[in-house]
Protein backbone atom coordinates (compact mmCIF):
# COMPACT_ATOMS: atom_id res chain seq x y z
CA MET A 1 138.96 -110.70 60.35
CA ILE A 2 140.65 -112.74 62.88
CA THR A 3 138.28 -114.74 64.91
CA SER A 4 138.39 -114.64 69.18
CA ARG A 5 137.89 -118.08 68.39
CA LEU A 6 141.13 -118.90 65.90
CA LYS A 7 142.73 -116.70 67.86
CA PHE A 8 142.46 -118.70 71.40
CA ILE A 9 143.58 -122.42 68.72
CA ILE A 10 147.21 -119.86 67.83
CA PHE A 11 147.90 -119.23 71.15
CA ASN A 12 146.42 -122.66 71.78
CA LEU A 13 148.71 -124.13 69.06
CA LEU A 14 151.77 -122.09 69.89
CA GLY A 15 151.20 -122.92 73.93
CA LEU A 16 152.05 -126.27 72.69
CA GLU A 17 155.29 -125.53 70.67
CA ILE A 18 155.93 -123.28 72.80
CA THR A 19 155.97 -125.66 76.11
CA TRP A 20 157.80 -128.54 73.98
CA ALA A 21 160.81 -126.79 73.26
CA ALA A 22 161.16 -125.45 76.46
CA CYS A 23 160.92 -129.42 77.89
CA ALA A 24 162.52 -131.07 75.47
CA TYR A 25 165.47 -127.58 76.12
CA GLU A 26 165.31 -128.84 79.41
CA ALA A 27 165.98 -132.63 79.37
CA ILE A 28 168.53 -132.43 77.18
CA ASN A 29 170.37 -129.43 79.16
CA ASP A 30 169.91 -130.49 82.14
CA VAL A 31 167.78 -127.15 83.48
CA GLU A 32 165.42 -128.01 86.33
CA TYR A 33 161.78 -127.67 85.98
CA LEU A 34 162.18 -124.57 82.72
CA GLY A 35 159.03 -127.28 80.80
CA ALA A 36 157.27 -127.70 83.93
CA ALA A 37 157.14 -123.42 84.02
CA VAL A 38 156.80 -122.63 80.91
CA GLY A 39 153.58 -125.13 80.67
CA SER A 40 152.10 -124.34 83.53
CA LEU A 41 152.29 -121.08 83.07
CA TYR A 42 150.75 -121.53 79.63
CA VAL A 43 147.80 -123.94 81.65
CA LEU A 44 146.89 -120.81 83.70
CA LEU A 45 146.30 -119.13 80.91
CA HIS A 46 143.81 -121.32 78.90
CA PHE A 47 142.40 -121.33 82.14
CA ILE A 48 141.50 -117.78 81.93
CA PHE A 49 140.66 -117.50 78.64
CA THR A 50 138.73 -120.22 78.07
CA LYS A 51 135.47 -120.23 77.54
CA THR A 52 135.10 -124.31 78.06
CA HIS A 53 136.03 -124.50 81.90
CA PHE A 54 133.92 -128.04 82.60
CA GLU A 55 134.94 -129.30 79.46
CA ASP A 56 139.45 -128.56 79.77
CA PHE A 57 139.79 -129.38 83.13
CA TRP A 58 138.35 -132.88 82.54
CA THR A 59 139.64 -133.36 79.70
CA LEU A 60 143.32 -132.67 80.93
CA ILE A 61 142.12 -134.89 83.82
CA ILE A 62 140.97 -137.53 82.06
CA VAL A 63 143.82 -137.95 79.42
CA ALA A 64 146.51 -136.40 81.31
CA ALA A 65 146.36 -139.18 83.44
CA LEU A 66 146.25 -141.74 80.62
CA GLY A 67 149.34 -139.86 79.11
CA ILE A 68 151.17 -140.27 81.93
CA LEU A 69 149.75 -144.34 82.89
CA ILE A 70 150.73 -144.86 79.27
CA ASP A 71 153.95 -142.99 78.91
CA SER A 72 155.09 -144.44 82.64
CA LEU A 73 153.92 -147.96 81.34
CA ASN A 74 156.49 -146.62 78.44
CA THR A 75 159.35 -146.67 81.42
CA TYR A 76 158.90 -148.96 83.52
CA TYR A 77 159.05 -151.84 80.90
CA GLY A 78 162.23 -150.34 79.25
CA ILE A 79 161.02 -149.15 76.26
CA LEU A 80 161.30 -145.14 76.96
CA GLY A 81 163.82 -143.83 78.45
CA PHE A 82 165.02 -140.96 80.29
CA ASN A 83 168.84 -138.35 80.54
CA SER A 84 167.78 -137.35 84.48
CA ASP A 85 166.49 -139.21 87.18
CA PRO A 86 162.80 -138.92 87.13
CA ALA A 87 162.19 -140.21 90.88
CA PRO A 88 159.19 -139.64 92.11
CA LEU A 89 157.10 -140.92 89.14
CA LEU A 90 158.91 -142.81 86.52
CA ILE A 91 158.34 -139.90 83.87
CA PRO A 92 160.54 -136.53 84.25
CA ILE A 93 158.24 -133.62 85.56
CA TRP A 94 158.41 -132.25 82.44
CA LEU A 95 156.70 -134.59 80.60
CA VAL A 96 153.40 -134.78 83.17
CA VAL A 97 153.38 -131.01 82.04
CA LEU A 98 153.64 -131.59 78.56
CA TRP A 99 150.75 -133.87 79.29
CA PHE A 100 148.94 -131.15 80.47
CA VAL A 101 149.11 -128.74 77.74
CA PHE A 102 148.59 -131.01 75.28
CA SER A 103 145.18 -132.99 76.68
CA LEU A 104 144.11 -129.17 76.10
CA MET A 105 144.95 -129.41 72.57
CA ILE A 106 142.67 -131.14 72.38
CA PRO A 107 138.58 -129.88 73.06
CA HIS A 108 140.46 -126.53 70.40
CA SER A 109 143.30 -127.41 68.24
CA LEU A 110 142.65 -130.59 67.64
CA TYR A 111 139.04 -131.07 67.66
CA TRP A 112 138.36 -131.43 63.94
CA PHE A 113 139.97 -134.96 64.49
CA SER A 114 136.30 -136.27 65.97
CA LYS A 115 134.43 -136.38 62.30
CA ASN A 116 136.43 -138.97 61.84
CA TYR A 117 137.90 -141.48 64.14
CA PHE A 118 139.66 -142.59 61.62
CA ILE A 119 141.83 -140.11 60.63
CA ALA A 120 142.47 -139.09 63.79
CA ALA A 121 144.28 -143.10 64.71
CA LEU A 122 145.86 -142.50 62.30
CA ALA A 123 147.08 -138.57 62.13
CA GLY A 124 147.62 -139.82 65.47
CA GLY A 125 149.86 -143.18 65.33
CA LEU A 126 152.31 -141.10 63.00
CA VAL A 127 152.52 -137.31 64.59
CA GLY A 128 152.46 -139.30 68.53
CA SER A 129 155.13 -141.81 67.61
CA LEU A 130 157.42 -139.32 65.11
CA THR A 131 157.12 -136.61 68.50
CA TYR A 132 159.27 -138.58 70.24
CA LEU A 133 161.12 -140.35 67.89
CA LEU A 134 162.37 -136.32 67.45
CA GLY A 135 162.56 -136.77 70.76
CA TYR A 136 165.26 -139.21 70.86
CA LYS A 137 166.69 -137.59 67.83
CA ILE A 138 167.85 -134.22 69.76
CA GLY A 139 168.12 -136.49 72.74
CA ALA A 140 164.95 -135.63 75.06
CA ILE A 141 164.86 -139.56 75.70
CA SER A 142 166.74 -142.39 75.23
CA LEU A 143 164.82 -145.09 73.16
CA SER A 144 165.67 -149.19 74.23
CA GLU A 145 164.12 -150.81 70.35
CA PRO A 146 165.00 -150.31 67.23
CA LEU A 147 163.61 -146.91 65.65
CA LEU A 148 161.51 -148.70 63.51
CA THR A 149 159.93 -151.09 66.37
CA SER A 150 160.10 -148.42 69.16
CA PHE A 151 158.22 -146.24 65.97
CA LEU A 152 155.49 -148.85 65.33
CA ILE A 153 154.69 -149.40 69.77
CA PHE A 154 153.69 -146.12 69.32
CA PHE A 155 151.50 -145.98 66.78
CA LEU A 156 149.75 -148.28 68.06
CA GLU A 157 149.95 -146.85 71.32
CA TRP A 158 148.57 -143.29 69.67
CA SER A 159 146.56 -144.70 66.80
CA ILE A 160 144.36 -145.35 70.13
CA LEU A 161 145.04 -143.31 72.98
CA PHE A 162 144.06 -140.50 70.62
CA PRO A 163 140.62 -141.68 69.48
CA ILE A 164 139.65 -142.13 73.05
CA ALA A 165 141.15 -138.34 74.10
CA LEU A 166 138.68 -137.21 71.64
CA LEU A 167 135.86 -139.24 72.52
CA ILE A 168 136.01 -137.96 75.94
CA THR A 169 136.22 -134.53 75.07
CA SER A 170 133.43 -135.43 73.13
CA THR A 171 130.95 -136.94 75.27
CA LEU A 172 132.50 -134.31 78.15
CA PHE A 173 130.72 -132.11 75.64
CA ARG A 174 127.76 -133.49 75.58
CA LEU A 175 127.37 -133.98 79.18
CA ASN A 176 128.21 -130.20 80.03
CA LYS A 177 125.67 -129.37 77.16
CA LYS A 178 122.66 -131.64 78.84
CA GLU A 179 123.08 -129.62 82.32
CA GLN A 180 123.26 -126.20 80.81
CA LEU A 181 119.69 -127.57 79.36
CA ASN A 182 118.13 -128.47 82.92
């Protein structure tokens, strides 16, 4: 029997995959706001069904801000580029929304990584960097550096960011638990 917790984790995983596909399709085919619409719908549904509103909201705000900052710096320094003009931001809106959706995976589908931050750093570095390379291969983004250099840059960023995101989420859960006890 599938528990409600497992159903939510599956919903969480599918939300990211569907949003990622919509964002990639938008970037490749210049279909404005497709990724933003799909991702925004997922975020809305997520907050309707989640039982951890406080933790999810603050994880979204903090982790998405960190991710948006990192991708904006990568864009500013020419490491990362986009086919469409991302004005008024340094990165396109579809990438902002993708950060919102990804951040909501941390308290649910990815939270088990918080048991081992070393594994989290390796997994985050590998999967995070491969996601950017896949985006490059399908034409959603451009890279100014050779593939290996880009991979290493993204690997380093994600091997630091993912454990920090898990630590932030763990801290939010502890803080909220203390608030509920008082």
